[in-house]
Amino acid sequence: MATSREPSVDSIGKEIEADEVRIETSEKEDGLPAPGPSTTKNVGAGDAALEILQDGSAHYEVSEEEDRRVLRKIDFWVMPVVLLVYFLQQLDKSSLSYTSVFGIVQATHLVGSQYSWLTSIVYLAQLVCQPISSYLLVKLPIPKFLFVNVFLWGAVVASTAAAHNFKGLVTTRFFLGVFEASVAPAFITITQMWWRRREQTMRLSMWMAMNGVTGMVGSLLSWGLGHISDRLQPYQVIFLFIGLLTVVVSPIVFFVLPVSPAKAKFLTREEKIIAFERVRANNQGTENKVWKWEHVWELLLDFKTYLWFSLLFLCTVPSGGIGAFGPLIIASFGFDSFNTILFNIPFTFLQVVVTLASAWISTKLKVKWPIIFCLCIPAIGGVAALLTLGRDKHERGKLLASYYVISFFTGLQPMLYAWSAQNTAGHTKKLCTTGIVFVAQCAGNVVGPQLYTTDEKPYYHRGLISNMICWIALSVLTVVTAAYLAFRNKQQEALRRRLGKAGKVVDRSLDSYSERKGNSEGNEGEARNDKAFDDLTDIQNEDFIYVL
């Protein structure tokens, strides 16, 4: 691996311990200056990368083979844990919808909107706990914090089997929300930490696609567990099995998931340098354990914050309602419990396909807004069809097809997660932005199920009409957000010129390896990205380029 301004890191002859804060190897041994007061930035004030890169100003050229080798290692060690935990979270949270077709409403004597509140209360708890989770994610090692939460929510789901009325169910669902509040913010932070912006969309979509995988596995699992007839009710068997599964698997998070690239035991010192160089062009940093209030104030004054909040709220109002009432909507077409569970599988399969296909197209086009806009259109059409069609037996095929078309909306949330994550820098600001996004998601998921009630079956007019309005508003706001980000890029370009830098530069964080090595026409030069690991926000760092 050649270097542009420092000796090659190929000459590094030995690894250092992953948890070392200072590099003890001398310049004579490895070609890197030993850290000291004159050459090293304050690690506490900057990024965890400075433990390895020292002052962060030296750039090391990474070959394509080295880039791919380190990426394979990161994918192998980090992604499976992320996918597993998100799968378990969605399985546990969705367990209520599976039990809805196996008589939980009747067995626990739920009336009126009580079933809706069993879904809303999870997100209400997450909303309340989100500020605390954001703070703890800055202060605590993510793997340990996640492990505790995964273990506890598994125990809560298992204990839900003992609930026999609304009071017991709502209590356990509340604590489920408390312990699940950290998952999505932690995973967005992990995605920003380990992968280049070009790679983030697909990785984030992969763990979000576990929603669909959960739907398929959970439906088949519930179908099988629902046949068990013993002293326990079918809904109790489902809660008990799913909860205990999570408890048993949770230690994997503690023992496998690394804290950060600087402390990853599966990477050599040379590979850690490569890992950091890979994400330098992101200008987002990796990790910092210092809470910075200036990042919080900037967040509150940043117009983007309110755009992300609005977009996620409009996205999750429909997903919250359909997520809770999806099986009941299918049942309203005239199917029994077991057929309802089976007919839910194609919907969740389409969810996986749509989510991953959207991410792939977005990565190729290097933009988000056209994909988000286009995903709204089929969902609007599917709802319009459900509102128009009757519920006679001969309409079942059309009703199922219309319901499956709605599944395009499931690609929206991962795209919006990726869009907001890729346009934010500064560790505290990143976590707080994720917190704001997650608060919007929780608020939408609280409201969404309340727009549906079991009394409105089989048409669910109020819920479906409100979903259509949300998707129309979302498509319009997507265009507004893209225009604002284009405006901010113009401002960044003007600022670079005032500072004597190249104004119009290419965003290499969105390029493939071959594109990174080429020259892009119409650009004035290359961004140096010297401040990539200074823990600066996107507004503070003039080299930051916003993703449309």
Protein backbone atom coordinates (compact mmCIF):
# COMPACT_ATOMS: atom_id res chain seq x y z
CA MET A 1 0.00 0.00 0.00
CA ALA A 2 1.69 3.17 -1.18
CA THR A 3 1.44 6.53 0.58
CA SER A 4 1.03 10.00 -0.80
CA ARG A 5 2.75 11.94 2.00
CA GLU A 6 4.16 9.34 4.45
CA PRO A 7 6.22 6.14 4.13
CA SER A 8 4.32 3.03 3.11
CA VAL A 9 2.46 1.16 5.79
CA ASP A 10 3.63 -2.04 4.05
CA SER A 11 6.79 -1.62 6.10
CA ILE A 12 4.87 -2.03 9.36
CA GLY A 13 6.39 -5.18 10.79
CA LYS A 14 4.15 -6.02 13.68
CA GLU A 15 0.65 -5.59 15.06
CA ILE A 16 -0.21 -3.65 18.17
CA GLU A 17 -2.82 -4.59 20.72
CA ALA A 18 -6.29 -3.48 19.64
CA ASP A 19 -6.93 -1.52 22.82
CA GLU A 20 -3.75 0.59 22.80
CA VAL A 21 -4.39 4.32 22.77
CA ARG A 22 -0.87 5.33 21.75
CA ILE A 23 1.21 3.74 19.01
CA GLU A 24 4.45 2.65 20.66
CA THR A 25 6.25 1.66 17.45
CA SER A 26 8.94 4.14 16.47
CA GLU A 27 9.32 5.87 13.12
CA LYS A 28 12.41 3.81 12.45
CA GLU A 29 10.52 0.54 12.84
CA ASP A 30 7.35 1.20 10.90
CA GLY A 31 7.74 4.41 8.98
CA LEU A 32 5.16 6.28 11.10
CA PRO A 33 6.08 9.09 13.47
CA ALA A 34 5.64 8.08 17.10
CA PRO A 35 2.82 10.08 18.67
CA GLY A 36 3.73 12.96 20.86
CA PRO A 37 2.55 16.39 21.89
CA SER A 38 3.89 18.03 18.75
CA THR A 39 2.46 15.57 16.25
CA THR A 40 -0.68 14.09 17.75
CA LYS A 41 -4.08 15.72 18.12
CA ASN A 42 -6.02 15.33 21.31
CA VAL A 43 -7.53 11.87 20.91
CA GLY A 44 -10.26 12.68 23.37
CA ALA A 45 -11.38 15.72 21.38
CA GLY A 46 -11.02 14.02 18.03
CA ASP A 47 -11.95 10.62 16.65
CA ALA A 48 -11.01 7.10 17.71
CA ALA A 49 -9.12 6.89 14.40
CA LEU A 50 -6.45 9.19 15.85
CA GLU A 51 -5.34 6.33 18.11
CA ILE A 52 -4.03 4.69 14.94
CA LEU A 53 -3.55 7.58 12.47
CA GLN A 54 -2.09 10.01 15.07
CA ASP A 55 -2.90 13.53 13.79
CA GLY A 56 -4.93 12.21 10.82
CA SER A 57 -3.15 14.39 8.26
CA ALA A 58 -1.05 11.68 6.64
CA HIS A 59 -2.83 9.93 3.76
CA TYR A 60 -2.10 6.34 2.75
CA GLU A 61 -3.00 5.05 -0.67
CA VAL A 62 -4.96 1.83 -0.52
CA SER A 63 -4.76 -0.69 -3.34
CA GLU A 64 -7.88 -2.36 -4.70
CA GLU A 65 -6.82 -5.76 -3.33
CA GLU A 66 -6.21 -4.31 0.15
CA ASP A 67 -9.50 -2.43 0.03
CA ARG A 68 -11.45 -5.57 -0.82
CA ARG A 69 -9.57 -7.72 1.70
CA VAL A 70 -10.36 -5.41 4.61
CA LEU A 71 -13.96 -4.93 3.45
CA ARG A 72 -14.44 -8.71 3.39
CA LYS A 73 -13.15 -8.95 6.94
CA ILE A 74 -15.45 -6.18 8.16
CA ASP A 75 -18.45 -7.71 6.44
CA PHE A 76 -17.63 -11.14 7.88
CA TRP A 77 -17.25 -10.00 11.50
CA VAL A 78 -19.69 -7.10 11.83
CA MET A 79 -22.62 -7.72 9.47
CA PRO A 80 -23.73 -11.16 10.77
CA VAL A 81 -24.13 -9.79 14.31
CA VAL A 82 -26.03 -6.75 13.07
CA LEU A 83 -28.34 -8.90 10.94
CA LEU A 84 -28.93 -11.37 13.77
CA VAL A 85 -29.82 -8.73 16.36
CA TYR A 86 -32.13 -6.84 14.02
CA PHE A 87 -33.81 -10.10 13.04
CA LEU A 88 -34.43 -10.91 16.70
CA GLN A 89 -35.68 -7.41 17.43
CA GLN A 90 -38.22 -7.51 14.62
CA LEU A 91 -39.24 -11.07 15.48
CA ASP A 92 -39.87 -10.13 19.10
CA LYS A 93 -41.67 -6.91 18.25
CA SER A 94 -43.79 -8.57 15.56
CA SER A 95 -44.76 -11.47 17.78
CA LEU A 96 -47.95 -9.61 18.70
CA SER A 97 -49.16 -9.48 15.08
CA TYR A 98 -48.60 -13.24 14.73
CA THR A 99 -50.59 -13.94 17.88
CA SER A 100 -53.41 -11.69 16.63
CA VAL A 101 -54.64 -14.43 14.30
CA PHE A 102 -54.40 -17.07 17.01
CA GLY A 103 -56.97 -15.58 19.32
CA ILE A 104 -54.99 -13.31 21.64
CA VAL A 105 -57.69 -10.62 21.35
CA GLN A 106 -60.37 -13.02 22.54
CA ALA A 107 -58.21 -14.93 25.06
CA THR A 108 -57.08 -11.76 26.87
CA HIS A 109 -60.45 -9.98 26.47
CA LEU A 110 -59.13 -6.99 24.50
CA VAL A 111 -61.75 -4.45 23.44
CA GLY A 112 -61.87 -1.23 21.41
CA SER A 113 -58.42 0.22 20.70
CA GLN A 114 -56.59 -1.89 23.30
CA TYR A 115 -54.97 -4.10 20.65
CA SER A 116 -53.77 -0.97 18.82
CA TRP A 117 -52.24 0.33 22.03
CA LEU A 118 -50.22 -2.85 22.46
CA THR A 119 -48.30 -1.83 19.32
CA SER A 120 -48.22 1.90 20.03
CA ILE A 121 -46.92 1.48 23.59
CA VAL A 122 -43.69 -0.12 22.31
CA TYR A 123 -42.85 2.97 20.27
CA LEU A 124 -44.06 5.32 22.96
CA ALA A 125 -41.57 3.71 25.35
CA GLN A 126 -38.83 3.99 22.73
CA LEU A 127 -39.68 7.64 22.20
CA VAL A 128 -39.40 8.39 25.92
CA CYS A 129 -36.11 6.49 26.28
CA GLN A 130 -34.47 7.78 23.10
CA PRO A 131 -32.60 10.77 24.63
CA ILE A 132 -31.14 8.50 27.31
CA SER A 133 -30.15 5.88 24.73
CA SER A 134 -28.41 8.48 22.53
CA TYR A 135 -26.37 9.72 25.50
CA LEU A 136 -25.44 6.22 26.63
CA LEU A 137 -24.40 5.24 23.10
CA VAL A 138 -21.81 8.03 23.22
CA LYS A 139 -20.56 7.13 26.69
CA LEU A 140 -20.67 3.31 26.70
CA PRO A 141 -19.14 0.61 24.46
CA ILE A 142 -21.85 -0.27 21.94
CA PRO A 143 -21.43 -4.10 22.09
CA LYS A 144 -21.84 -4.28 25.89
CA PHE A 145 -24.75 -1.85 25.90
CA LEU A 146 -26.48 -3.79 23.12
CA PHE A 147 -25.93 -7.16 24.80
CA VAL A 148 -27.65 -6.05 28.01
CA ASN A 149 -30.62 -4.67 26.08
CA VAL A 150 -31.00 -7.74 23.83
CA PHE A 151 -30.90 -10.11 26.80
CA LEU A 152 -33.47 -8.08 28.74
CA TRP A 153 -35.96 -7.65 25.92
CA GLY A 154 -35.80 -11.39 25.21
CA ALA A 155 -36.69 -12.02 28.84
CA VAL A 156 -39.56 -9.53 28.58
CA VAL A 157 -41.02 -11.25 25.48
CA ALA A 158 -40.82 -14.64 27.16
CA SER A 159 -42.61 -13.26 30.23
CA THR A 160 -45.40 -11.91 28.00
CA ALA A 161 -46.69 -15.50 27.86
CA ALA A 162 -47.79 -15.05 31.47
CA ALA A 163 -49.99 -12.02 30.67
CA HIS A 164 -53.71 -12.78 30.68
CA ASN A 165 -55.24 -9.32 30.27
CA PHE A 166 -54.61 -5.89 28.78
CA LYS A 167 -52.82 -4.62 31.89
CA GLY A 168 -50.26 -7.42 31.80
CA LEU A 169 -49.75 -7.20 28.04
CA VAL A 170 -49.33 -3.42 27.96
CA THR A 171 -46.77 -3.57 30.80
CA THR A 172 -44.56 -6.14 29.08
CA ARG A 173 -44.88 -4.35 25.73
CA PHE A 174 -43.78 -1.09 27.38
CA PHE A 175 -40.59 -2.67 28.73
CA LEU A 176 -39.99 -4.30 25.35
CA GLY A 177 -39.91 -0.78 23.88
CA VAL A 178 -37.56 0.45 26.61
CA PHE A 179 -34.93 -2.19 25.86
CA GLU A 180 -35.31 -2.06 22.07
CA ALA A 181 -34.81 1.74 21.96
CA SER A 182 -31.06 1.44 21.43
CA VAL A 183 -31.01 -0.94 18.46
CA ALA A 184 -31.66 1.21 15.38
CA PRO A 185 -29.55 4.19 16.62
CA ALA A 186 -26.69 1.83 17.47
CA PHE A 187 -26.80 0.13 14.08
CA ILE A 188 -26.88 3.40 12.16
CA THR A 189 -23.82 4.49 14.15
CA ILE A 190 -22.09 1.18 13.40
CA THR A 191 -22.89 1.53 9.69
CA GLN A 192 -21.41 5.05 9.60
CA MET A 193 -18.36 3.84 11.51
CA TRP A 194 -17.33 0.85 9.40
CA TRP A 195 -18.38 1.47 5.79
CA ARG A 196 -17.89 4.08 3.10
CA ARG A 197 -20.95 6.10 2.13
CA ARG A 198 -21.20 4.14 -1.11
CA GLU A 199 -21.41 0.92 0.91
CA GLN A 200 -23.64 2.22 3.70
CA THR A 201 -26.88 2.19 1.73
CA MET A 202 -26.66 -1.52 0.92
CA ARG A 203 -25.48 -2.53 4.40
CA LEU A 204 -28.16 -0.50 6.10
CA SER A 205 -30.77 -1.88 3.73
CA MET A 206 -29.56 -5.40 4.44
CA TRP A 207 -30.25 -5.15 8.15
CA MET A 208 -33.51 -3.32 7.49
CA ALA A 209 -34.45 -6.09 5.06
CA MET A 210 -34.45 -8.41 8.05
CA ASN A 211 -37.96 -7.03 8.62
CA GLY A 212 -39.02 -9.09 5.62
CA VAL A 213 -36.94 -12.11 6.61
CA THR A 214 -38.55 -11.92 10.04
CA GLY A 215 -41.95 -11.81 8.39
CA MET A 216 -41.27 -14.98 6.43
CA VAL A 217 -39.60 -16.91 9.25
CA GLY A 218 -41.98 -15.57 11.88
CA SER A 219 -45.03 -16.49 9.81
CA LEU A 220 -43.81 -20.06 9.28
CA LEU A 221 -42.74 -20.32 12.90
CA SER A 222 -46.10 -19.08 14.14
CA TRP A 223 -47.90 -21.41 11.74
CA GLY A 224 -46.05 -24.35 13.28
CA LEU A 225 -46.28 -23.18 16.90
CA GLY A 226 -49.96 -22.40 16.44
CA HIS A 227 -50.64 -26.12 15.97
CA ILE A 228 -49.32 -26.93 19.42
CA SER A 229 -52.24 -27.79 21.66
CA ASP A 230 -51.45 -28.27 25.32
CA ARG A 231 -51.99 -26.46 28.60
CA LEU A 232 -50.69 -23.24 26.98
CA GLN A 233 -52.61 -21.13 24.48
CA PRO A 234 -51.02 -20.81 20.99
CA TYR A 235 -50.20 -17.14 21.62
CA GLN A 236 -48.38 -18.08 24.84
CA VAL A 237 -46.27 -20.69 23.05
CA ILE A 238 -45.28 -18.12 20.41
CA PHE A 239 -44.21 -15.51 23.01
CA LEU A 240 -42.31 -18.06 25.09
CA PHE A 241 -40.40 -19.62 22.20
CA ILE A 242 -39.40 -16.33 20.55
CA GLY A 243 -38.36 -14.68 23.82
CA LEU A 244 -36.20 -17.59 24.98
CA LEU A 245 -34.55 -17.77 21.56
CA THR A 246 -33.41 -14.15 21.96
CA VAL A 247 -32.09 -14.77 25.48
CA VAL A 248 -30.02 -17.76 24.35
CA VAL A 249 -28.51 -15.96 21.34
CA SER A 250 -27.78 -12.59 23.03
CA PRO A 251 -24.20 -13.40 24.27
CA ILE A 252 -23.02 -13.41 20.63
CA VAL A 253 -23.32 -9.62 20.65
CA PHE A 254 -20.99 -9.31 23.64
CA PHE A 255 -18.30 -11.68 22.40
CA VAL A 256 -18.24 -11.01 18.63
CA LEU A 257 -19.23 -7.40 17.87
CA PRO A 258 -16.16 -5.09 18.00
CA VAL A 259 -16.28 -1.67 19.67
CA SER A 260 -14.68 0.24 16.78
CA PRO A 261 -12.11 -0.22 13.99
CA ALA A 262 -9.40 1.03 16.38
CA LYS A 263 -10.19 -1.78 18.82
CA ALA A 264 -11.11 -4.57 16.39
CA LYS A 265 -9.12 -7.69 17.29
CA PHE A 266 -9.74 -9.22 13.87
CA LEU A 267 -7.77 -6.42 12.15
CA THR A 268 -3.99 -6.02 12.15
CA ARG A 269 -2.53 -2.55 12.63
CA GLU A 270 -2.00 -2.21 8.89
CA GLU A 271 -5.61 -3.27 8.27
CA LYS A 272 -6.84 -0.73 10.82
CA ILE A 273 -5.09 2.01 8.87
CA ILE A 274 -6.69 0.72 5.68
CA ALA A 275 -10.09 0.60 7.41
CA PHE A 276 -9.78 4.25 8.43
CA GLU A 277 -8.47 5.37 5.03
CA ARG A 278 -11.44 3.68 3.40
CA VAL A 279 -13.87 5.91 5.30
CA ARG A 280 -11.82 9.13 5.23
CA ALA A 281 -13.79 10.58 2.28
CA ASN A 282 -17.01 10.17 4.29
CA ASN A 283 -15.89 13.08 6.48
CA GLN A 284 -18.04 11.52 9.21
CA GLY A 285 -15.41 10.08 11.55
CA THR A 286 -15.90 6.80 13.40
CA GLU A 287 -16.27 7.07 17.19
CA ASN A 288 -15.75 9.55 20.01
CA LYS A 289 -16.64 9.19 23.70
CA VAL A 290 -16.89 12.94 24.36
CA TRP A 291 -20.37 14.47 24.45
CA LYS A 292 -20.23 17.81 22.61
CA TRP A 293 -23.04 20.25 23.36
CA GLU A 294 -22.06 22.46 20.42
CA HIS A 295 -23.10 19.58 18.14
CA VAL A 296 -26.48 19.46 19.86
CA TRP A 297 -27.11 23.21 19.45
CA GLU A 298 -26.12 23.02 15.79
CA LEU A 299 -28.51 20.10 15.32
CA LEU A 300 -31.41 22.15 16.68
CA LEU A 301 -30.62 25.05 14.31
CA ASP A 302 -30.06 22.84 11.25
CA PHE A 303 -33.04 22.89 8.86
CA LYS A 304 -32.17 19.35 7.75
CA THR A 305 -33.08 18.07 11.20
CA TYR A 306 -36.70 19.02 10.72
CA LEU A 307 -36.77 17.60 7.20
CA TRP A 308 -35.53 14.22 8.45
CA PHE A 309 -38.07 14.25 11.27
CA SER A 310 -40.96 15.01 8.91
CA LEU A 311 -39.89 12.44 6.33
CA LEU A 312 -39.56 9.63 8.88
CA PHE A 313 -42.82 10.51 10.58
CA LEU A 314 -44.72 10.44 7.29
CA CYS A 315 -43.04 7.14 6.41
CA THR A 316 -43.74 5.34 9.68
CA VAL A 317 -47.38 6.32 10.24
CA PRO A 318 -48.41 3.87 7.45
CA SER A 319 -45.80 1.25 8.36
CA GLY A 320 -46.90 1.28 11.99
CA GLY A 321 -50.52 0.72 11.05
CA ILE A 322 -49.94 -1.93 8.42
CA GLY A 323 -47.26 -3.61 10.54
CA ALA A 324 -49.77 -4.13 13.34
CA PHE A 325 -52.87 -4.79 11.24
CA GLY A 326 -51.39 -6.48 8.16
CA PRO A 327 -52.45 -10.02 9.13
CA LEU A 328 -55.86 -8.71 10.16
CA ILE A 329 -56.23 -6.94 6.79
CA ILE A 330 -55.51 -10.25 5.02
CA ALA A 331 -57.94 -12.04 7.34
CA SER A 332 -60.59 -9.48 6.35
CA PHE A 333 -60.40 -10.86 2.80
CA GLY A 334 -62.09 -14.00 4.14
CA PHE A 335 -59.16 -16.30 5.07
CA ASP A 336 -58.83 -18.43 8.22
CA SER A 337 -55.97 -18.07 10.74
CA PHE A 338 -53.50 -20.47 9.13
CA ASN A 339 -54.10 -19.26 5.56
CA THR A 340 -53.74 -15.66 6.77
CA ILE A 341 -50.29 -16.43 8.18
CA LEU A 342 -49.22 -18.15 4.95
CA PHE A 343 -50.55 -15.39 2.68
CA ASN A 344 -48.49 -12.88 4.67
CA ILE A 345 -45.26 -14.53 3.50
CA PRO A 346 -45.29 -13.15 -0.10
CA PHE A 347 -45.72 -9.63 1.32
CA THR A 348 -42.64 -10.02 3.51
CA PHE A 349 -40.68 -11.65 0.66
CA LEU A 350 -41.45 -8.66 -1.56
CA GLN A 351 -40.27 -6.44 1.30
CA VAL A 352 -36.81 -8.01 1.13
CA VAL A 353 -36.67 -7.73 -2.67
CA VAL A 354 -37.84 -4.10 -2.75
CA THR A 355 -35.47 -3.03 0.05
CA LEU A 356 -32.36 -4.57 -1.49
CA ALA A 357 -33.24 -3.59 -5.07
CA SER A 358 -33.79 0.02 -4.00
CA ALA A 359 -30.42 0.06 -2.24
CA TRP A 360 -28.66 -1.40 -5.29
CA ILE A 361 -30.21 1.13 -7.67
CA SER A 362 -29.44 4.00 -5.29
CA THR A 363 -25.81 2.89 -5.01
CA LYS A 364 -25.45 2.78 -8.78
CA LEU A 365 -27.12 6.16 -9.32
CA LYS A 366 -25.43 7.76 -6.25
CA VAL A 367 -28.68 9.51 -5.30
CA LYS A 368 -31.54 8.81 -2.92
CA TRP A 369 -34.44 11.14 -3.66
CA PRO A 370 -35.64 9.69 -7.01
CA ILE A 371 -35.76 6.20 -5.48
CA ILE A 372 -37.74 7.40 -2.46
CA PHE A 373 -40.14 9.32 -4.70
CA CYS A 374 -40.75 6.30 -6.94
CA LEU A 375 -41.34 3.94 -4.00
CA CYS A 376 -44.31 6.06 -2.90
CA ILE A 377 -46.22 5.61 -6.18
CA PRO A 378 -47.02 1.83 -6.04
CA ALA A 379 -48.00 2.13 -2.37
CA ILE A 380 -50.47 4.89 -3.21
CA GLY A 381 -51.90 2.78 -6.04
CA GLY A 382 -52.24 -0.32 -3.87
CA VAL A 383 -54.18 1.55 -1.19
CA ALA A 384 -56.43 3.13 -3.80
CA ALA A 385 -57.28 -0.36 -5.08
CA LEU A 386 -58.08 -1.67 -1.58
CA LEU A 387 -60.37 1.29 -0.97
CA THR A 388 -62.18 0.66 -4.27
CA LEU A 389 -62.56 -3.14 -4.22
CA GLY A 390 -65.27 -4.96 -2.34
CA ARG A 391 -64.70 -7.86 0.06
CA ASP A 392 -66.59 -10.59 -1.77
CA LYS A 393 -64.94 -13.98 -2.20
CA HIS A 394 -64.41 -13.54 -5.92
CA GLU A 395 -62.34 -10.38 -5.19
CA ARG A 396 -59.78 -12.22 -3.05
CA GLY A 397 -57.16 -12.46 -5.79
CA LYS A 398 -57.36 -8.75 -6.60
CA LEU A 399 -57.34 -7.83 -2.92
CA LEU A 400 -54.22 -9.88 -2.24
CA ALA A 401 -52.47 -8.44 -5.31
CA SER A 402 -53.32 -4.90 -4.20
CA TYR A 403 -52.05 -5.62 -0.69
CA TYR A 404 -48.80 -7.02 -2.08
CA VAL A 405 -48.28 -3.91 -4.23
CA ILE A 406 -48.38 -1.82 -1.04
CA SER A 407 -45.20 -3.66 0.03
CA PHE A 408 -43.17 -1.13 -2.00
CA PHE A 409 -43.50 1.25 0.94
CA THR A 410 -41.23 -1.04 2.97
CA GLY A 411 -38.24 0.22 0.98
CA LEU A 412 -38.81 3.78 2.17
CA GLN A 413 -37.58 3.57 5.75
CA PRO A 414 -34.10 2.11 5.02
CA MET A 415 -33.60 4.67 2.24
CA LEU A 416 -34.55 7.51 4.58
CA TYR A 417 -32.31 6.10 7.32
CA ALA A 418 -29.40 5.99 4.87
CA TRP A 419 -30.17 9.46 3.47
CA SER A 420 -30.16 11.15 6.87
CA ALA A 421 -27.12 9.17 8.09
CA GLN A 422 -25.03 10.00 5.04
CA ASN A 423 -25.70 13.73 5.40
CA THR A 424 -24.57 14.14 9.00
CA ALA A 425 -21.09 14.35 10.53
CA GLY A 426 -19.68 14.79 14.04
CA HIS A 427 -20.15 11.89 16.46
CA THR A 428 -22.47 13.62 18.91
CA LYS A 429 -24.45 15.21 16.09
CA LYS A 430 -24.71 11.87 14.28
CA LEU A 431 -26.12 10.15 17.34
CA CYS A 432 -28.48 13.02 18.10
CA THR A 433 -29.68 13.12 14.48
CA THR A 434 -30.28 9.39 14.65
CA GLY A 435 -32.14 10.01 17.89
CA ILE A 436 -34.33 12.65 16.25
CA VAL A 437 -35.00 10.32 13.31
CA PHE A 438 -35.86 7.52 15.70
CA VAL A 439 -38.16 9.78 17.73
CA ALA A 440 -39.99 10.57 14.48
CA GLN A 441 -40.18 6.85 13.72
CA CYS A 442 -41.55 6.12 17.19
CA ALA A 443 -44.09 8.94 16.93
CA GLY A 444 -45.26 7.62 13.56
CA ASN A 445 -45.52 4.09 14.89
CA VAL A 446 -47.51 5.32 17.88
CA VAL A 447 -49.98 7.20 15.66
CA GLY A 448 -50.18 4.60 12.86
CA PRO A 449 -51.92 1.76 14.72
CA GLN A 450 -54.37 4.23 16.30
CA LEU A 451 -55.73 5.00 12.83
CA TYR A 452 -56.88 1.37 12.60
CA THR A 453 -59.33 -0.31 14.94
CA THR A 454 -60.63 -3.87 14.96
CA ASP A 455 -64.16 -2.42 14.82
CA GLU A 456 -63.57 -1.09 11.28
CA LYS A 457 -62.96 -4.45 9.66
CA PRO A 458 -63.12 -5.50 6.90
CA TYR A 459 -62.50 -2.17 5.10
CA TYR A 460 -60.31 -0.18 7.53
CA HIS A 461 -61.13 2.99 5.58
CA ARG A 462 -59.71 5.51 8.05
CA GLY A 463 -56.34 3.78 8.27
CA LEU A 464 -55.93 3.25 4.53
CA ILE A 465 -56.94 6.81 3.61
CA SER A 466 -54.52 8.29 6.15
CA ASN A 467 -51.75 6.07 4.75
CA MET A 468 -52.38 7.39 1.25
CA ILE A 469 -52.21 11.00 2.46
CA CYS A 470 -48.89 10.32 4.23
CA TRP A 471 -47.28 8.81 1.11
CA ILE A 472 -48.41 11.72 -1.08
CA ALA A 473 -46.99 14.23 1.43
CA LEU A 474 -43.78 12.20 1.69
CA SER A 475 -43.20 12.26 -2.08
CA VAL A 476 -43.57 16.05 -2.15
CA LEU A 477 -41.27 16.61 0.85
CA THR A 478 -38.64 14.34 -0.71
CA VAL A 479 -38.28 16.76 -3.63
CA VAL A 480 -38.04 19.71 -1.21
CA THR A 481 -35.28 17.95 0.76
CA ALA A 482 -33.27 17.19 -2.37
CA ALA A 483 -33.48 20.84 -3.44
CA TYR A 484 -32.28 22.01 -0.03
CA LEU A 485 -29.31 19.61 -0.04
CA ALA A 486 -28.33 20.84 -3.51
CA PHE A 487 -28.45 24.40 -2.15
CA ARG A 488 -26.21 23.41 0.80
CA ASN A 489 -23.67 21.87 -1.58
CA LYS A 490 -23.50 25.19 -3.43
CA GLN A 491 -22.81 26.92 -0.13
CA GLN A 492 -20.06 24.42 0.72
CA GLU A 493 -18.52 24.93 -2.72
CA ALA A 494 -18.43 28.72 -2.24
CA LEU A 495 -16.88 28.29 1.23
CA ARG A 496 -14.07 26.10 -0.11
CA ARG A 497 -13.22 28.69 -2.71
CA ARG A 498 -13.07 31.44 -0.07
CA LEU A 499 -10.60 29.26 1.86
CA GLY A 500 -8.41 28.86 -1.24
CA LYS A 501 -9.44 25.28 -1.93
CA ALA A 502 -10.90 23.66 -5.02
CA GLY A 503 -14.58 24.57 -5.06
CA LYS A 504 -16.27 21.89 -7.11
CA VAL A 505 -14.93 18.47 -6.11
CA VAL A 506 -16.16 14.94 -6.60
CA ASP A 507 -17.55 12.98 -3.67
CA ARG A 508 -15.19 9.99 -3.67
CA SER A 509 -17.08 8.34 -0.81
CA LEU A 510 -19.80 7.42 -3.32
CA ASP A 511 -17.40 6.09 -5.98
CA SER A 512 -16.35 2.54 -6.68
CA TYR A 513 -12.62 1.78 -6.44
CA SER A 514 -12.04 2.30 -10.18
CA GLU A 515 -13.99 5.55 -10.12
CA ARG A 516 -11.93 6.80 -7.16
CA LYS A 517 -8.77 6.38 -9.21
CA GLY A 518 -10.15 8.23 -12.23
CA ASN A 519 -10.57 11.93 -12.89
CA SER A 520 -14.04 13.41 -13.05
CA GLU A 521 -14.69 16.03 -15.69
CA GLY A 522 -15.93 19.42 -14.55
CA ASN A 523 -14.24 19.28 -11.15
CA GLU A 524 -11.62 21.77 -10.04
CA GLY A 525 -9.60 19.33 -7.97
CA GLU A 526 -9.59 16.67 -5.27
CA ALA A 527 -10.78 17.20 -1.72
CA ARG A 528 -7.97 16.48 0.76
CA ASN A 529 -10.34 15.53 3.58
CA ASP A 530 -7.68 16.39 6.16
CA LYS A 531 -10.36 17.12 8.78
CA ALA A 532 -12.18 13.80 8.33
CA PHE A 533 -11.22 12.55 11.81
CA ASP A 534 -11.41 15.84 13.72
CA ASP A 535 -14.97 15.08 14.89
CA LEU A 536 -16.34 18.10 13.04
CA THR A 537 -19.98 18.38 11.98
CA ASP A 538 -21.04 18.53 8.35
CA ILE A 539 -21.48 22.31 8.70
CA GLN A 540 -18.10 22.83 10.40
CA ASN A 541 -16.18 20.84 7.78
CA GLU A 542 -16.05 22.64 4.43
CA ASP A 543 -14.97 19.40 2.70
CA PHE A 544 -18.27 17.70 3.51
CA ILE A 545 -20.48 17.00 0.48
CA TYR A 546 -24.18 16.32 0.90
CA VAL A 547 -25.75 13.30 -0.80
CA LEU A 548 -28.84 13.96 -2.91
